[in-house]
């Protein structure tokens, strides 16, 4: 917009503010579209713009924490691998055996038990605990590396509506192993 013989006209404040709001709304929509749907507690469409921004900020914070954790693990592995030690030993630095790792994957569970050769427990006891708590073991494997024994179990939830109380499974495995 120009005057006949003068400098160009500035848009008025109302138009400038409207354009700014349109631009910000577009940026918020783009940010919200980058967040995985499973990060929202309710449907994205039902959340206010403020709630969507808070969810995005929380997701970014989680990603930053995960990056820091992975950097630390990489540094540890690199440092230990550089001294020609066994990588498995690098993972075990600072860990007391036995170790229980229980992952709830929704309709399935993954159990990883790491013990020393001198700590004996019966694998069937672990399987019994899982089955008593509502999971059916579909695969199990045992590997020995050095003086460590790795037990890996995968189980499906028998009744998906009921699920499995992972905290209870964890407690019972703790009592069994320790």
N, C-alpha and C. Protein backbone atom coordinates (compact mmCIF):
# COMPACT_ATOMS: atom_id res chain seq x y z
N UNK A 1 0.85 -1.17 0.00
CA UNK A 1 0.00 0.00 0.00
C UNK A 1 0.89 1.24 0.00
N UNK A 2 0.79 2.00 -0.99
CA UNK A 2 1.57 3.23 -1.05
C UNK A 2 0.66 4.42 -1.33
N UNK A 3 1.09 5.54 -0.85
CA UNK A 3 0.42 6.78 -1.21
C UNK A 3 0.88 7.16 -2.60
N UNK A 4 0.21 8.07 -3.19
CA UNK A 4 0.59 8.48 -4.53
C UNK A 4 2.04 8.92 -4.60
N UNK A 5 2.45 9.84 -3.85
CA UNK A 5 3.81 10.37 -3.92
C UNK A 5 4.47 10.38 -2.57
N UNK A 6 4.38 9.29 -1.81
CA UNK A 6 4.94 9.31 -0.48
C UNK A 6 5.46 7.94 -0.08
N UNK A 7 5.90 7.82 1.20
CA UNK A 7 6.42 6.55 1.70
C UNK A 7 5.30 5.51 1.82
N UNK A 8 5.68 4.21 1.88
CA UNK A 8 4.66 3.16 2.02
C UNK A 8 3.93 3.29 3.36
N UNK A 9 2.67 2.90 3.37
CA UNK A 9 1.87 2.95 4.60
C UNK A 9 2.13 1.72 5.45
N UNK A 10 2.18 1.90 6.76
CA UNK A 10 2.31 0.78 7.69
C UNK A 10 0.93 0.20 7.92
N UNK A 11 0.87 -1.17 8.11
CA UNK A 11 -0.43 -1.72 8.47
C UNK A 11 -0.82 -1.23 9.86
N UNK A 12 -2.09 -1.08 10.12
CA UNK A 12 -2.51 -0.59 11.42
C UNK A 12 -2.28 -1.66 12.50
N UNK A 13 -2.33 -1.25 13.77
CA UNK A 13 -2.05 -2.16 14.87
C UNK A 13 -3.00 -3.34 14.90
N UNK A 14 -4.23 -3.13 14.57
CA UNK A 14 -5.23 -4.20 14.59
C UNK A 14 -4.86 -5.31 13.60
N UNK A 15 -4.45 -4.93 12.42
CA UNK A 15 -4.05 -5.91 11.39
C UNK A 15 -2.78 -6.63 11.80
N UNK A 16 -1.83 -5.89 12.35
CA UNK A 16 -0.57 -6.49 12.80
C UNK A 16 -0.82 -7.51 13.90
N UNK A 17 -1.67 -7.16 14.86
CA UNK A 17 -1.97 -8.08 15.96
C UNK A 17 -2.71 -9.32 15.46
N UNK A 18 -3.65 -9.16 14.54
CA UNK A 18 -4.37 -10.29 13.97
C UNK A 18 -3.41 -11.23 13.24
N UNK A 19 -2.50 -10.67 12.46
CA UNK A 19 -1.50 -11.49 11.75
C UNK A 19 -0.59 -12.23 12.74
N UNK A 20 -0.22 -11.57 13.83
CA UNK A 20 0.61 -12.20 14.85
C UNK A 20 -0.12 -13.37 15.48
N UNK A 21 -1.41 -13.19 15.82
CA UNK A 21 -2.19 -14.28 16.42
C UNK A 21 -2.34 -15.45 15.46
N UNK A 22 -2.58 -15.17 14.21
CA UNK A 22 -2.71 -16.24 13.20
C UNK A 22 -1.40 -17.01 13.10
N UNK A 23 -0.29 -16.28 13.09
CA UNK A 23 1.03 -16.92 13.01
C UNK A 23 1.31 -17.78 14.24
N UNK A 24 1.01 -17.27 15.43
CA UNK A 24 1.23 -18.03 16.67
C UNK A 24 0.36 -19.27 16.71
N UNK A 25 -0.90 -19.16 16.29
CA UNK A 25 -1.79 -20.31 16.26
C UNK A 25 -1.25 -21.38 15.32
N UNK A 26 -0.74 -20.95 14.19
CA UNK A 26 -0.14 -21.89 13.23
C UNK A 26 1.08 -22.60 13.83
N UNK A 27 1.92 -21.86 14.54
CA UNK A 27 3.10 -22.45 15.17
C UNK A 27 2.70 -23.43 16.28
N UNK A 28 1.68 -23.10 17.06
CA UNK A 28 1.20 -24.01 18.12
C UNK A 28 0.65 -25.29 17.53
N UNK A 29 -0.09 -25.17 16.43
CA UNK A 29 -0.63 -26.35 15.77
C UNK A 29 0.51 -27.23 15.25
N UNK A 30 1.53 -26.60 14.66
CA UNK A 30 2.67 -27.37 14.14
C UNK A 30 3.40 -28.08 15.28
N UNK A 31 3.62 -27.40 16.41
CA UNK A 31 4.28 -28.01 17.56
C UNK A 31 3.46 -29.18 18.08
N UNK A 32 2.17 -28.99 18.21
CA UNK A 32 1.29 -30.05 18.71
C UNK A 32 1.31 -31.26 17.78
N UNK A 33 1.42 -31.04 16.49
CA UNK A 33 1.43 -32.16 15.53
C UNK A 33 2.72 -32.98 15.62
N UNK A 34 3.77 -32.41 16.19
CA UNK A 34 5.05 -33.12 16.32
C UNK A 34 5.10 -34.03 17.54
N UNK A 35 4.18 -33.86 18.49
CA UNK A 35 4.16 -34.66 19.71
C UNK A 35 3.41 -35.97 19.44
N UNK A 36 4.02 -37.11 19.79
CA UNK A 36 3.33 -38.40 19.57
C UNK A 36 2.01 -38.45 20.33
N UNK A 37 0.99 -39.06 19.73
CA UNK A 37 -0.34 -39.10 20.37
C UNK A 37 -0.33 -39.77 21.74
N UNK A 38 0.55 -40.73 21.97
CA UNK A 38 0.55 -41.43 23.26
C UNK A 38 1.04 -40.55 24.40
N UNK A 39 1.54 -39.36 24.11
CA UNK A 39 2.01 -38.45 25.16
C UNK A 39 0.85 -37.63 25.75
N UNK A 40 -0.30 -37.63 25.07
CA UNK A 40 -1.45 -36.88 25.56
C UNK A 40 -2.33 -37.79 26.40
N UNK A 41 -2.72 -37.30 27.57
CA UNK A 41 -3.56 -38.10 28.48
C UNK A 41 -4.98 -38.23 27.93
N UNK A 42 -5.45 -37.20 27.27
CA UNK A 42 -6.75 -37.24 26.60
C UNK A 42 -6.54 -36.88 25.15
N UNK A 43 -7.59 -36.89 24.37
CA UNK A 43 -7.50 -36.57 22.96
C UNK A 43 -6.95 -35.16 22.78
N UNK A 44 -6.05 -35.02 21.80
CA UNK A 44 -5.45 -33.73 21.52
C UNK A 44 -6.52 -32.69 21.20
N UNK A 45 -7.58 -33.12 20.52
CA UNK A 45 -8.64 -32.20 20.11
C UNK A 45 -9.41 -31.65 21.31
N UNK A 46 -9.40 -32.37 22.43
CA UNK A 46 -10.17 -31.95 23.60
C UNK A 46 -9.37 -31.02 24.51
N UNK A 47 -8.07 -30.89 24.25
CA UNK A 47 -7.22 -30.05 25.10
C UNK A 47 -7.22 -28.61 24.61
N UNK A 48 -7.11 -27.69 25.54
CA UNK A 48 -6.97 -26.29 25.16
C UNK A 48 -5.56 -26.08 24.60
N UNK A 49 -5.38 -24.95 23.96
CA UNK A 49 -4.07 -24.65 23.40
C UNK A 49 -3.02 -24.57 24.51
N UNK A 50 -3.38 -24.01 25.65
CA UNK A 50 -2.47 -23.94 26.79
C UNK A 50 -2.06 -25.33 27.26
N UNK A 51 -3.05 -26.24 27.36
CA UNK A 51 -2.77 -27.62 27.78
C UNK A 51 -1.86 -28.32 26.77
N UNK A 52 -2.09 -28.08 25.49
CA UNK A 52 -1.25 -28.68 24.45
C UNK A 52 0.19 -28.18 24.57
N UNK A 53 0.35 -26.90 24.85
CA UNK A 53 1.70 -26.34 25.03
C UNK A 53 2.38 -26.94 26.26
N UNK A 54 1.63 -27.14 27.34
CA UNK A 54 2.20 -27.76 28.54
C UNK A 54 2.62 -29.20 28.26
N UNK A 55 1.78 -29.94 27.54
CA UNK A 55 2.13 -31.32 27.17
C UNK A 55 3.40 -31.34 26.31
N UNK A 56 3.50 -30.40 25.38
CA UNK A 56 4.68 -30.32 24.52
C UNK A 56 5.93 -30.02 25.36
N UNK A 57 5.80 -29.10 26.31
CA UNK A 57 6.93 -28.76 27.18
C UNK A 57 7.35 -29.97 28.01
N UNK A 58 6.39 -30.72 28.54
CA UNK A 58 6.70 -31.93 29.31
C UNK A 58 7.40 -32.97 28.43
N UNK A 59 6.93 -33.14 27.21
CA UNK A 59 7.53 -34.10 26.29
C UNK A 59 8.98 -33.71 25.97
N UNK A 60 9.20 -32.44 25.73
CA UNK A 60 10.56 -31.95 25.44
C UNK A 60 11.46 -32.19 26.64
N UNK A 61 10.94 -31.96 27.85
CA UNK A 61 11.71 -32.20 29.07
C UNK A 61 12.08 -33.68 29.19
N UNK A 62 11.11 -34.58 28.90
CA UNK A 62 11.38 -36.02 28.94
C UNK A 62 12.47 -36.40 27.93
N UNK A 63 12.39 -35.81 26.74
CA UNK A 63 13.40 -36.11 25.72
C UNK A 63 14.79 -35.65 26.16
N UNK A 64 14.87 -34.48 26.76
CA UNK A 64 16.16 -33.98 27.25
C UNK A 64 16.74 -34.91 28.32
N UNK A 65 15.89 -35.36 29.24
CA UNK A 65 16.35 -36.28 30.29
C UNK A 65 16.84 -37.59 29.68
N UNK A 66 16.11 -38.09 28.69
CA UNK A 66 16.50 -39.33 28.02
C UNK A 66 17.83 -39.16 27.30
N UNK A 67 18.03 -38.02 26.67
CA UNK A 67 19.30 -37.74 25.98
C UNK A 67 20.45 -37.75 26.97
N UNK A 68 20.25 -37.10 28.12
CA UNK A 68 21.31 -37.06 29.14
C UNK A 68 21.62 -38.46 29.65
N UNK A 69 20.58 -39.26 29.88
CA UNK A 69 20.78 -40.64 30.34
C UNK A 69 21.57 -41.44 29.30
N UNK A 70 21.19 -41.33 28.04
CA UNK A 70 21.87 -42.07 26.99
C UNK A 70 23.32 -41.60 26.80
N UNK A 71 23.55 -40.30 26.94
CA UNK A 71 24.93 -39.78 26.86
C UNK A 71 25.79 -40.39 27.96
N UNK A 72 25.23 -40.47 29.18
CA UNK A 72 25.97 -41.06 30.29
C UNK A 72 26.29 -42.53 30.05
N UNK A 73 25.31 -43.27 29.54
CA UNK A 73 25.54 -44.69 29.25
C UNK A 73 26.57 -44.85 28.15
N UNK A 74 26.52 -43.99 27.13
CA UNK A 74 27.48 -44.07 26.04
C UNK A 74 28.89 -43.76 26.55
N UNK A 75 28.99 -42.73 27.38
CA UNK A 75 30.29 -42.37 27.93
C UNK A 75 30.88 -43.51 28.75
N UNK A 76 30.06 -44.13 29.58
CA UNK A 76 30.51 -45.25 30.40
C UNK A 76 30.98 -46.40 29.52
N UNK A 77 30.18 -46.74 28.51
CA UNK A 77 30.53 -47.85 27.63
C UNK A 77 31.81 -47.55 26.85
N UNK A 78 31.95 -46.32 26.39
CA UNK A 78 33.14 -45.93 25.64
C UNK A 78 34.38 -45.98 26.51
N UNK A 79 34.24 -45.47 27.73
CA UNK A 79 35.37 -45.44 28.65
C UNK A 79 35.84 -46.85 28.99
N UNK A 80 34.89 -47.72 29.28
CA UNK A 80 35.24 -49.08 29.66
C UNK A 80 35.73 -49.88 28.46
N UNK A 81 35.07 -49.71 27.31
CA UNK A 81 35.50 -50.43 26.11
C UNK A 81 36.90 -49.99 25.70
N UNK A 82 37.24 -48.74 26.00
CA UNK A 82 38.58 -48.24 25.67
C UNK A 82 39.66 -48.90 26.50
N UNK A 83 39.32 -49.44 27.64
CA UNK A 83 40.31 -50.12 28.47
C UNK A 83 40.32 -51.62 28.21
N UNK A 84 39.69 -52.04 27.10
CA UNK A 84 39.66 -53.44 26.66
C UNK A 84 38.99 -54.38 27.66
N UNK A 85 38.11 -53.85 28.49
CA UNK A 85 37.34 -54.72 29.38
C UNK A 85 36.14 -55.25 28.63
N UNK A 86 35.57 -56.30 29.14
CA UNK A 86 34.38 -56.88 28.56
C UNK A 86 33.22 -55.89 28.68
N UNK A 87 32.45 -55.68 27.61
CA UNK A 87 31.35 -54.73 27.62
C UNK A 87 30.29 -55.11 28.64
N UNK A 88 30.07 -56.39 28.83
CA UNK A 88 29.10 -56.84 29.84
C UNK A 88 29.54 -56.36 31.21
N UNK A 89 30.84 -56.43 31.50
CA UNK A 89 31.35 -55.95 32.78
C UNK A 89 31.10 -54.44 32.91
N UNK A 90 31.16 -53.72 31.80
CA UNK A 90 30.91 -52.28 31.84
C UNK A 90 29.48 -52.00 32.30
N UNK A 91 28.56 -52.77 31.82
CA UNK A 91 27.17 -52.59 32.21
C UNK A 91 26.98 -52.92 33.68
N UNK A 92 27.76 -53.87 34.18
CA UNK A 92 27.59 -54.33 35.55
C UNK A 92 28.31 -53.47 36.59
N UNK A 93 29.11 -52.50 36.16
CA UNK A 93 29.82 -51.66 37.12
C UNK A 93 28.81 -50.98 38.05
N UNK A 94 29.01 -51.11 39.30
CA UNK A 94 28.15 -50.46 40.28
C UNK A 94 26.85 -51.20 40.56
N UNK A 95 26.59 -52.30 39.86
CA UNK A 95 25.36 -53.04 40.11
C UNK A 95 25.63 -54.21 41.02
N UNK A 96 24.76 -54.41 41.97
CA UNK A 96 24.86 -55.59 42.82
C UNK A 96 23.97 -56.66 42.22
N UNK A 97 24.46 -57.86 42.26
CA UNK A 97 23.68 -58.98 41.73
C UNK A 97 22.89 -59.62 42.86
N UNK A 98 21.76 -60.14 42.60
CA UNK A 98 21.06 -60.20 41.33
C UNK A 98 20.35 -58.89 41.00
N UNK A 99 20.01 -58.74 39.70
CA UNK A 99 19.32 -57.56 39.20
C UNK A 99 18.01 -58.02 38.57
N UNK A 100 16.93 -57.30 38.85
CA UNK A 100 15.63 -57.59 38.25
C UNK A 100 15.21 -56.38 37.44
N UNK A 101 14.85 -56.61 36.17
CA UNK A 101 14.31 -55.56 35.33
C UNK A 101 12.96 -56.05 34.81
N UNK A 102 11.90 -55.36 35.20
CA UNK A 102 10.54 -55.76 34.82
C UNK A 102 9.95 -54.63 33.99
N UNK A 103 9.51 -54.96 32.77
CA UNK A 103 8.93 -53.95 31.89
C UNK A 103 7.50 -54.33 31.55
N UNK A 104 6.60 -53.40 31.82
CA UNK A 104 5.19 -53.58 31.48
C UNK A 104 4.98 -53.00 30.10
N UNK A 105 4.65 -53.85 29.14
CA UNK A 105 4.44 -53.42 27.76
C UNK A 105 2.96 -53.43 27.39
N UNK A 106 2.11 -53.21 28.36
CA UNK A 106 0.68 -53.19 28.11
C UNK A 106 0.10 -54.59 28.18
N UNK A 107 0.02 -55.26 27.04
CA UNK A 107 -0.55 -56.60 27.02
C UNK A 107 0.50 -57.68 27.25
N UNK A 108 1.74 -57.26 27.48
CA UNK A 108 2.79 -58.24 27.75
C UNK A 108 3.78 -57.70 28.78
N UNK A 109 4.57 -58.61 29.33
CA UNK A 109 5.60 -58.27 30.31
C UNK A 109 6.93 -58.81 29.81
N UNK A 110 7.98 -58.10 30.15
CA UNK A 110 9.34 -58.58 29.84
C UNK A 110 10.10 -58.57 31.16
N UNK A 111 10.69 -59.71 31.51
CA UNK A 111 11.43 -59.83 32.75
C UNK A 111 12.86 -60.22 32.42
N UNK A 112 13.82 -59.45 32.93
CA UNK A 112 15.23 -59.77 32.76
C UNK A 112 15.82 -59.91 34.16
N UNK A 113 16.40 -61.08 34.43
CA UNK A 113 17.04 -61.34 35.71
C UNK A 113 18.52 -61.59 35.44
N UNK A 114 19.36 -60.93 36.18
CA UNK A 114 20.80 -61.14 36.05
C UNK A 114 21.31 -61.57 37.42
N UNK A 115 21.96 -62.71 37.46
CA UNK A 115 22.48 -63.20 38.74
C UNK A 115 23.90 -63.71 38.54
N UNK A 116 24.56 -63.94 39.63
CA UNK A 116 25.89 -64.53 39.59
C UNK A 116 25.77 -66.05 39.58
N UNK A 117 26.85 -66.70 39.27
CA UNK A 117 26.83 -68.16 39.23
C UNK A 117 26.56 -68.76 40.61
N UNK A 118 26.94 -68.02 41.66
CA UNK A 118 26.78 -68.55 43.01
C UNK A 118 25.38 -68.35 43.58
N UNK A 119 24.55 -67.53 42.93
CA UNK A 119 23.18 -67.29 43.42
C UNK A 119 22.23 -68.16 42.62
N UNK A 120 21.71 -69.17 43.24
CA UNK A 120 20.83 -70.10 42.54
C UNK A 120 19.37 -69.82 42.89
N UNK A 121 18.56 -69.78 41.89
CA UNK A 121 17.11 -69.78 42.07
C UNK A 121 16.56 -70.58 40.90
N UNK A 122 15.40 -71.11 41.10
CA UNK A 122 14.81 -71.98 40.09
C UNK A 122 13.96 -71.14 39.14
N UNK A 123 14.21 -71.29 37.87
CA UNK A 123 13.48 -70.54 36.86
C UNK A 123 11.99 -70.85 36.92
N UNK A 124 11.64 -72.07 37.25
CA UNK A 124 10.22 -72.43 37.31
C UNK A 124 9.50 -71.64 38.40
N UNK A 125 10.24 -71.22 39.46
CA UNK A 125 9.63 -70.40 40.51
C UNK A 125 9.25 -69.02 39.97
N UNK A 126 10.12 -68.46 39.14
CA UNK A 126 9.84 -67.17 38.52
C UNK A 126 8.63 -67.28 37.61
N UNK A 127 8.60 -68.35 36.81
CA UNK A 127 7.47 -68.59 35.91
C UNK A 127 6.18 -68.74 36.71
N UNK A 128 6.25 -69.45 37.83
CA UNK A 128 5.06 -69.63 38.68
C UNK A 128 4.54 -68.29 39.19
N UNK A 129 5.44 -67.42 39.62
CA UNK A 129 5.03 -66.10 40.11
C UNK A 129 4.29 -65.35 39.00
N UNK A 130 4.85 -65.34 37.80
CA UNK A 130 4.20 -64.64 36.69
C UNK A 130 2.82 -65.22 36.38
N UNK A 131 2.73 -66.54 36.37
CA UNK A 131 1.45 -67.16 36.05
C UNK A 131 0.42 -66.94 37.15
N UNK A 132 0.85 -66.97 38.40
CA UNK A 132 -0.08 -66.72 39.51
C UNK A 132 -0.61 -65.29 39.47
N UNK A 133 0.17 -64.38 38.90
CA UNK A 133 -0.23 -62.98 38.85
C UNK A 133 -0.99 -62.63 37.56
N UNK A 134 -1.26 -63.63 36.71
CA UNK A 134 -2.11 -63.39 35.54
C UNK A 134 -1.39 -63.25 34.22
N UNK A 135 -0.15 -63.71 34.13
CA UNK A 135 0.59 -63.65 32.87
C UNK A 135 1.00 -65.06 32.46
N UNK A 136 0.99 -65.30 31.17
CA UNK A 136 1.39 -66.60 30.65
C UNK A 136 2.75 -66.44 29.95
N UNK A 137 3.75 -67.17 30.42
CA UNK A 137 5.09 -67.08 29.85
C UNK A 137 5.08 -67.73 28.47
N UNK A 138 5.50 -66.96 27.47
CA UNK A 138 5.51 -67.48 26.10
C UNK A 138 6.92 -67.82 25.63
N UNK A 139 7.93 -67.24 26.27
CA UNK A 139 9.31 -67.62 25.94
C UNK A 139 10.22 -67.32 27.12
N UNK A 140 11.27 -68.12 27.23
CA UNK A 140 12.26 -67.92 28.29
C UNK A 140 13.60 -68.37 27.74
N UNK A 141 14.64 -67.64 28.12
CA UNK A 141 15.98 -68.04 27.70
C UNK A 141 16.97 -67.77 28.82
N UNK A 142 18.03 -68.53 28.83
CA UNK A 142 19.08 -68.39 29.84
C UNK A 142 20.41 -68.35 29.11
N UNK A 143 21.26 -67.40 29.47
CA UNK A 143 22.59 -67.28 28.89
C UNK A 143 23.58 -67.05 30.01
N UNK A 144 24.76 -67.60 29.86
CA UNK A 144 25.83 -67.38 30.83
C UNK A 144 26.96 -66.67 30.12
N UNK A 145 27.38 -65.54 30.69
CA UNK A 145 28.50 -64.78 30.15
C UNK A 145 29.44 -64.52 31.32
N UNK A 146 30.62 -65.09 31.25
CA UNK A 146 31.56 -64.94 32.36
C UNK A 146 30.97 -65.55 33.62
N UNK A 147 30.89 -64.74 34.67
CA UNK A 147 30.32 -65.24 35.93
C UNK A 147 28.90 -64.73 36.16
N UNK A 148 28.24 -64.30 35.08
CA UNK A 148 26.88 -63.79 35.19
C UNK A 148 25.92 -64.66 34.39
N UNK A 149 24.71 -64.84 34.96
CA UNK A 149 23.67 -65.63 34.31
C UNK A 149 22.52 -64.68 33.98
N UNK A 150 22.13 -64.64 32.70
CA UNK A 150 21.07 -63.77 32.22
C UNK A 150 19.83 -64.62 31.93
N UNK A 151 18.71 -64.29 32.59
CA UNK A 151 17.43 -64.96 32.36
C UNK A 151 16.51 -63.93 31.71
N UNK A 152 15.94 -64.29 30.59
CA UNK A 152 15.02 -63.39 29.89
C UNK A 152 13.69 -64.11 29.70
N UNK A 153 12.60 -63.49 30.15
CA UNK A 153 11.27 -64.09 30.03
C UNK A 153 10.32 -63.09 29.38
N UNK A 154 9.47 -63.60 28.51
CA UNK A 154 8.44 -62.79 27.88
C UNK A 154 7.10 -63.45 28.20
N UNK A 155 6.15 -62.64 28.67
CA UNK A 155 4.86 -63.18 29.08
C UNK A 155 3.73 -62.32 28.53
N UNK A 156 2.63 -62.97 28.17
CA UNK A 156 1.43 -62.29 27.71
C UNK A 156 0.44 -62.22 28.87
N UNK A 157 -0.29 -61.12 28.96
CA UNK A 157 -1.33 -60.99 29.96
C UNK A 157 -2.48 -61.91 29.56
N UNK A 158 -2.95 -62.74 30.52
CA UNK A 158 -4.01 -63.71 30.21
C UNK A 158 -5.33 -63.02 29.92
N UNK A 159 -5.73 -62.07 30.77
CA UNK A 159 -6.99 -61.36 30.60
C UNK A 159 -6.66 -59.88 30.46
N UNK A 160 -6.74 -59.36 29.23
CA UNK A 160 -6.27 -58.01 28.99
C UNK A 160 -7.08 -56.95 29.74
N UNK A 161 -8.35 -57.20 30.00
CA UNK A 161 -9.15 -56.21 30.74
C UNK A 161 -8.67 -56.09 32.17
N UNK A 162 -8.23 -57.18 32.76
CA UNK A 162 -7.79 -57.18 34.15
C UNK A 162 -6.34 -56.73 34.24
N UNK A 163 -5.49 -57.24 33.33
CA UNK A 163 -4.08 -56.88 33.33
C UNK A 163 -3.31 -57.57 34.43
N UNK A 164 -2.11 -57.09 34.66
CA UNK A 164 -1.23 -57.65 35.68
C UNK A 164 -0.75 -56.51 36.56
N UNK A 165 -0.77 -56.72 37.85
CA UNK A 165 -0.29 -55.73 38.82
C UNK A 165 1.23 -55.83 38.87
N UNK A 166 1.93 -55.00 38.07
CA UNK A 166 3.38 -55.13 37.97
C UNK A 166 4.10 -54.85 39.29
N UNK A 167 3.57 -53.97 40.10
CA UNK A 167 4.23 -53.69 41.39
C UNK A 167 4.19 -54.94 42.28
N UNK A 168 3.09 -55.67 42.20
CA UNK A 168 2.98 -56.92 42.98
C UNK A 168 3.93 -57.98 42.44
N UNK A 169 4.02 -58.09 41.10
CA UNK A 169 4.96 -59.04 40.49
C UNK A 169 6.38 -58.69 40.92
N UNK A 170 6.71 -57.40 40.86
CA UNK A 170 8.05 -56.93 41.24
C UNK A 170 8.36 -57.33 42.69
N UNK A 171 7.41 -57.08 43.58
CA UNK A 171 7.60 -57.40 45.00
C UNK A 171 7.84 -58.89 45.19
N UNK A 172 7.03 -59.71 44.54
CA UNK A 172 7.17 -61.17 44.70
C UNK A 172 8.48 -61.67 44.12
N UNK A 173 8.92 -61.10 43.01
CA UNK A 173 10.20 -61.51 42.43
C UNK A 173 11.36 -61.09 43.35
N UNK A 174 11.24 -59.92 43.93
CA UNK A 174 12.25 -59.45 44.89
C UNK A 174 12.38 -60.45 46.04
N UNK A 175 11.24 -60.85 46.60
CA UNK A 175 11.24 -61.80 47.71
C UNK A 175 11.84 -63.14 47.30
N UNK A 176 11.58 -63.56 46.09
CA UNK A 176 12.07 -64.85 45.59
C UNK A 176 13.58 -64.80 45.34
N UNK A 177 14.04 -63.74 44.73
CA UNK A 177 15.45 -63.67 44.28
C UNK A 177 16.39 -63.29 45.42
N UNK A 178 15.98 -62.37 46.29
CA UNK A 178 16.92 -61.87 47.31
C UNK A 178 16.86 -62.67 48.56
